Protein backbone atom coordinates (compact mmCIF):
# COMPACT_ATOMS: atom_id res chain seq x y z
CA MET A 1 6.19 -10.81 4.95
CA ARG A 2 4.16 -12.25 7.95
CA TYR A 3 3.10 -15.35 6.08
CA CYS A 4 6.71 -15.96 5.40
CA ILE A 5 7.23 -15.34 9.36
CA VAL A 6 4.61 -17.75 10.18
CA PHE A 7 5.89 -20.88 7.95
CA ALA A 8 9.25 -19.96 9.27
CA LEU A 9 8.31 -20.69 12.61
CA LEU A 10 6.39 -23.84 11.52
CA ALA A 11 9.18 -25.24 9.41
CA ALA A 12 11.10 -25.01 12.93
CA ALA A 13 8.34 -26.91 14.89
CA PRO A 14 8.59 -30.31 16.13
CA VAL A 15 6.64 -32.79 13.71
CA VAL A 16 7.45 -36.28 15.81
CA THR A 17 3.65 -36.44 16.68
CA ALA A 18 2.46 -35.58 13.03
CA ALA A 19 -0.07 -37.42 10.84
CA GLU A 20 0.46 -37.70 7.27
CA LEU A 21 -1.35 -35.27 5.02
CA ASP A 22 -4.15 -36.19 2.98
CA HIS A 23 -5.19 -35.10 -0.32
CA ASP A 24 -8.74 -36.29 -0.81
CA PHE A 25 -11.51 -34.16 0.44
CA VAL A 26 -14.94 -31.85 -0.07
CA GLU A 27 -15.02 -28.62 1.90
CA ALA A 28 -17.39 -26.01 2.56
CA GLY A 29 -16.92 -22.70 3.99
CA TYR A 30 -18.33 -19.46 4.62
CA LEU A 31 -16.52 -16.31 5.39
CA GLN A 32 -17.40 -12.48 5.85
CA GLY A 33 -15.63 -9.41 5.84
CA GLU A 34 -15.59 -5.70 4.03
CA THR A 35 -15.00 -4.70 0.38
CA GLY A 36 -11.61 -2.95 -0.07
CA ASP A 37 -13.25 -0.28 -2.25
CA LEU A 38 -14.29 3.52 -1.46
CA LEU A 39 -17.54 2.53 -0.02
CA GLY A 40 -16.44 -0.29 2.02
CA LEU A 41 -19.55 -2.84 1.88
CA ASP A 42 -20.11 -5.54 3.72
CA LEU A 43 -19.29 -8.87 1.90
CA GLY A 44 -20.03 -12.53 2.32
CA VAL A 45 -18.40 -15.42 0.80
CA THR A 46 -19.75 -18.63 0.51
CA GLU A 47 -17.74 -21.50 -1.40
CA ILE A 48 -17.24 -25.09 -1.80
CA ARG A 49 -14.43 -27.51 -3.50
CA GLY A 50 -12.98 -30.77 -3.46
CA VAL A 51 -9.86 -32.40 -4.78
CA LYS A 52 -9.41 -35.93 -5.67
CA ALA A 53 -5.78 -37.34 -5.67
CA LEU A 54 -4.58 -40.05 -8.42
CA GLY A 55 -1.13 -40.69 -6.88
CA ASP A 56 1.17 -37.01 -6.70
CA TRP A 57 -1.48 -35.68 -9.06
CA GLN A 58 -4.92 -34.30 -8.82
CA LEU A 59 -8.19 -33.35 -9.95
CA LEU A 60 -10.06 -30.26 -8.17
CA GLY A 61 -12.85 -28.28 -8.67
CA GLY A 62 -14.65 -25.53 -6.85
CA TYR A 63 -17.63 -22.66 -6.51
CA ARG A 64 -17.18 -19.37 -4.69
CA LEU A 65 -19.88 -16.88 -4.41
CA PHE A 66 -19.41 -13.19 -3.59
CA ASP A 67 -22.12 -11.35 -2.31
CA ARG A 68 -21.80 -7.82 -1.64
CA ALA A 69 -24.26 -5.93 0.59
CA PRO A 70 -26.36 -3.56 -1.35
CA ALA A 71 -25.09 0.14 -2.05
CA HIS A 72 -27.58 3.00 -1.28
CA LEU A 73 -26.82 6.49 -2.85
CA ALA A 74 -28.86 9.63 -2.68
CA PHE A 75 -28.54 13.18 -3.95
CA GLU A 76 -30.48 15.99 -5.49
CA GLY A 77 -33.69 14.04 -4.59
CA MET A 78 -32.47 10.62 -5.93
CA ARG A 79 -32.24 7.76 -4.45
CA ILE A 80 -29.91 4.68 -6.46
CA SER A 81 -29.92 0.98 -4.82
CA SER A 82 -27.12 -1.38 -6.20
CA ASP A 83 -26.94 -5.34 -5.59
CA ILE A 84 -23.87 -7.37 -7.14
CA GLU A 85 -23.01 -10.97 -6.79
CA ILE A 86 -19.69 -12.47 -8.71
CA SER A 87 -19.57 -16.21 -8.76
CA TYR A 88 -16.51 -18.25 -9.71
CA LEU A 89 -16.78 -21.78 -11.04
CA ASN A 90 -13.04 -23.61 -11.28
CA PHE A 91 -12.07 -27.12 -12.44
CA GLY A 92 -8.52 -28.07 -13.06
CA GLY A 93 -5.40 -30.51 -12.28
CA GLY A 94 -2.34 -30.05 -10.41
CA TYR A 95 0.21 -31.62 -8.87
CA VAL A 96 1.64 -31.78 -4.98
CA PHE A 97 5.63 -31.86 -4.74
CA SER A 98 5.99 -33.50 -1.37
CA LEU A 99 8.72 -32.34 1.12
CA GLY A 100 8.77 -34.96 3.86
CA ARG A 101 5.37 -36.55 5.05
CA TYR A 102 4.12 -33.62 6.84
CA PHE A 103 5.34 -30.75 4.23
CA ALA A 104 3.75 -30.53 0.93
CA ILE A 105 3.66 -27.95 -2.07
CA PRO A 106 0.42 -28.25 -4.23
CA PHE A 107 0.20 -26.72 -7.79
CA SER A 108 -2.50 -26.65 -9.79
CA ALA A 109 -4.05 -24.88 -12.88
CA GLY A 110 -7.13 -24.76 -14.65
CA LEU A 111 -10.22 -22.91 -16.29
CA VAL A 112 -12.52 -20.52 -14.47
CA ARG A 113 -16.00 -18.86 -15.23
CA ALA A 114 -16.67 -15.87 -14.08
CA SER A 115 -20.40 -14.67 -13.74
CA THR A 116 -21.60 -11.33 -12.60
CA ASP A 117 -25.42 -10.65 -11.78
CA ALA A 118 -26.09 -6.90 -10.93
CA SER A 119 -29.61 -5.23 -10.22
CA THR A 120 -30.10 -1.56 -9.57
CA VAL A 121 -33.30 0.37 -8.23
CA SER A 122 -33.19 3.93 -9.36
CA GLU A 123 -35.95 6.40 -7.81
CA LEU A 124 -36.15 9.51 -9.47
CA PRO A 125 -38.33 12.60 -9.03
CA ASP A 126 -40.98 13.14 -11.71
CA GLU A 127 -41.56 16.26 -13.70
CA SER A 128 -44.31 16.95 -11.62
CA GLY A 129 -42.15 17.09 -8.50
CA ASP A 130 -45.40 15.08 -6.38
CA GLY A 131 -44.07 11.87 -6.55
CA THR A 132 -41.07 9.35 -7.85
CA SER A 133 -40.30 7.19 -11.00
CA VAL A 134 -38.95 3.87 -10.15
CA ILE A 135 -36.50 2.22 -12.81
CA ARG A 136 -35.42 -1.40 -12.42
CA THR A 137 -32.45 -2.94 -14.42
CA ASN A 138 -31.08 -5.92 -14.28
CA ASP A 139 -27.44 -6.98 -16.02
CA SER A 140 -25.59 -10.44 -16.23
CA GLU A 141 -22.58 -11.31 -17.90
CA SER A 142 -20.21 -14.08 -17.93
CA ASP A 143 -16.81 -15.16 -19.31
CA THR A 144 -14.16 -17.81 -18.92
CA GLY A 145 -10.62 -17.68 -18.03
CA TYR A 146 -7.88 -19.57 -16.49
CA PHE A 147 -6.42 -19.98 -12.81
CA VAL A 148 -2.89 -20.97 -11.46
CA ASP A 149 -2.51 -21.92 -7.60
CA LEU A 150 0.24 -22.55 -5.41
CA GLY A 151 0.45 -23.63 -1.80
CA LEU A 152 2.09 -24.90 1.30
CA ARG A 153 0.83 -27.51 3.59
CA VAL A 154 2.18 -28.23 6.72
CA ARG A 155 1.00 -30.28 9.51
CA PRO A 156 2.84 -29.79 12.77
CA LEU A 157 0.68 -32.03 14.91
CA GLU A 158 -1.45 -35.21 14.68
CA SER A 159 -4.71 -33.12 14.58
CA LEU A 160 -3.40 -29.56 13.20
CA GLU A 161 -2.99 -28.25 9.53
CA ILE A 162 -1.92 -24.79 8.23
CA GLU A 163 -2.40 -24.36 4.61
CA PHE A 164 -1.55 -20.98 2.51
CA GLU A 165 -2.73 -20.38 -1.17
CA HIS A 166 -1.96 -18.09 -3.61
CA ARG A 167 -4.07 -17.79 -6.80
CA PHE A 168 -3.91 -15.87 -9.78
CA MET A 169 -6.84 -15.59 -12.19
CA ASN A 170 -7.11 -13.91 -15.65
CA VAL A 171 -10.80 -13.53 -16.33
CA SER A 172 -13.18 -11.11 -17.81
CA SER A 173 -10.08 -8.87 -19.01
CA THR A 174 -9.14 -8.45 -15.35
CA ARG A 175 -5.94 -10.20 -13.59
CA LEU A 176 -6.73 -11.25 -9.85
CA ASN A 177 -4.56 -12.05 -6.73
CA ASP A 178 -5.94 -14.14 -3.95
CA GLN A 179 -4.40 -15.13 -0.65
CA ARG A 180 -5.78 -17.40 1.77
CA LEU A 181 -4.54 -18.88 5.29
CA ASP A 182 -6.14 -21.72 6.47
CA VAL A 183 -6.06 -23.69 10.14
CA ARG A 184 -7.48 -26.73 10.33
CA TYR A 185 -8.36 -29.07 13.80
CA ALA A 186 -8.92 -32.64 12.96
CA LEU A 187 -12.14 -33.35 15.20
CA THR A 188 -11.90 -37.16 13.68
CA PRO A 189 -9.82 -38.90 11.19
CA ALA A 190 -12.90 -37.72 8.73
CA ILE A 191 -13.93 -34.48 9.90
CA ALA A 192 -12.01 -31.29 10.22
CA VAL A 193 -13.03 -27.62 11.32
CA GLY A 194 -11.25 -24.83 10.27
CA LEU A 195 -10.81 -20.74 10.63
CA ALA A 196 -9.84 -19.05 7.26
CA TYR A 197 -8.70 -15.65 6.53
CA GLY A 198 -8.54 -14.24 3.06
CA ASP A 199 -7.19 -11.30 0.84
CA PHE A 200 -9.04 -11.22 -2.31
CA GLU A 201 -7.60 -8.17 -4.21
CA GLY A 202 -8.32 -5.75 -1.28
CA ASP A 203 -11.41 -7.51 -0.38
CA THR A 204 -10.49 -9.06 3.10
CA VAL A 205 -12.85 -11.73 4.65
CA SER A 206 -12.34 -14.49 7.41
CA GLY A 207 -14.59 -17.29 8.96
CA ALA A 208 -15.17 -21.12 9.20
CA THR A 209 -14.79 -24.24 7.40
CA ILE A 210 -15.41 -27.97 7.57
CA ARG A 211 -13.88 -30.56 5.72
CA TRP A 212 -14.74 -33.93 5.07
CA ARG A 213 -11.63 -36.67 3.70
CA PHE A 214 -12.50 -39.58 2.07
């Protein structure tokens, strides 16, 4: 609901000084936050994405890495440490519905490749009780699915842009809904920096981005 209020206010803002939206760019960013599970672990998200416009049509691709802080558990003389990284590589195409020169609704869809790398270290007391046995396990798996993305881009001022994005993914037998809000400020016609907030199925993160327009 709060996103609807934000964009309603933006729609009412004056745009007489606004510059046209760009649709060719490469962007990199890093976000930090906390997982939404019971452990509430620290979470870091590294990403890079790009778009090439072909008129109102688009080609796009991106990579996003979720790096969770290791989880440590201890009970009855046992200690277990688990570390998990999840990455998403996506490619696809889309179309931009322009609502004037300063408003646009981008829609895209494509394939996504999800990869999970998990490692666990278990320290168990040996039978004599005088030492511990260390067991290390590593597990990797990957799967291919699809994504559908719908957003809204608004440029109320020449150097300011706001973008909202909702992405649905169906991969690894899991359905995921991600939401993201970006506010960008153009330092030059080619370089823009931004602040981002994301909610990835309860994992909330915020951070900074830098975008190169070409």
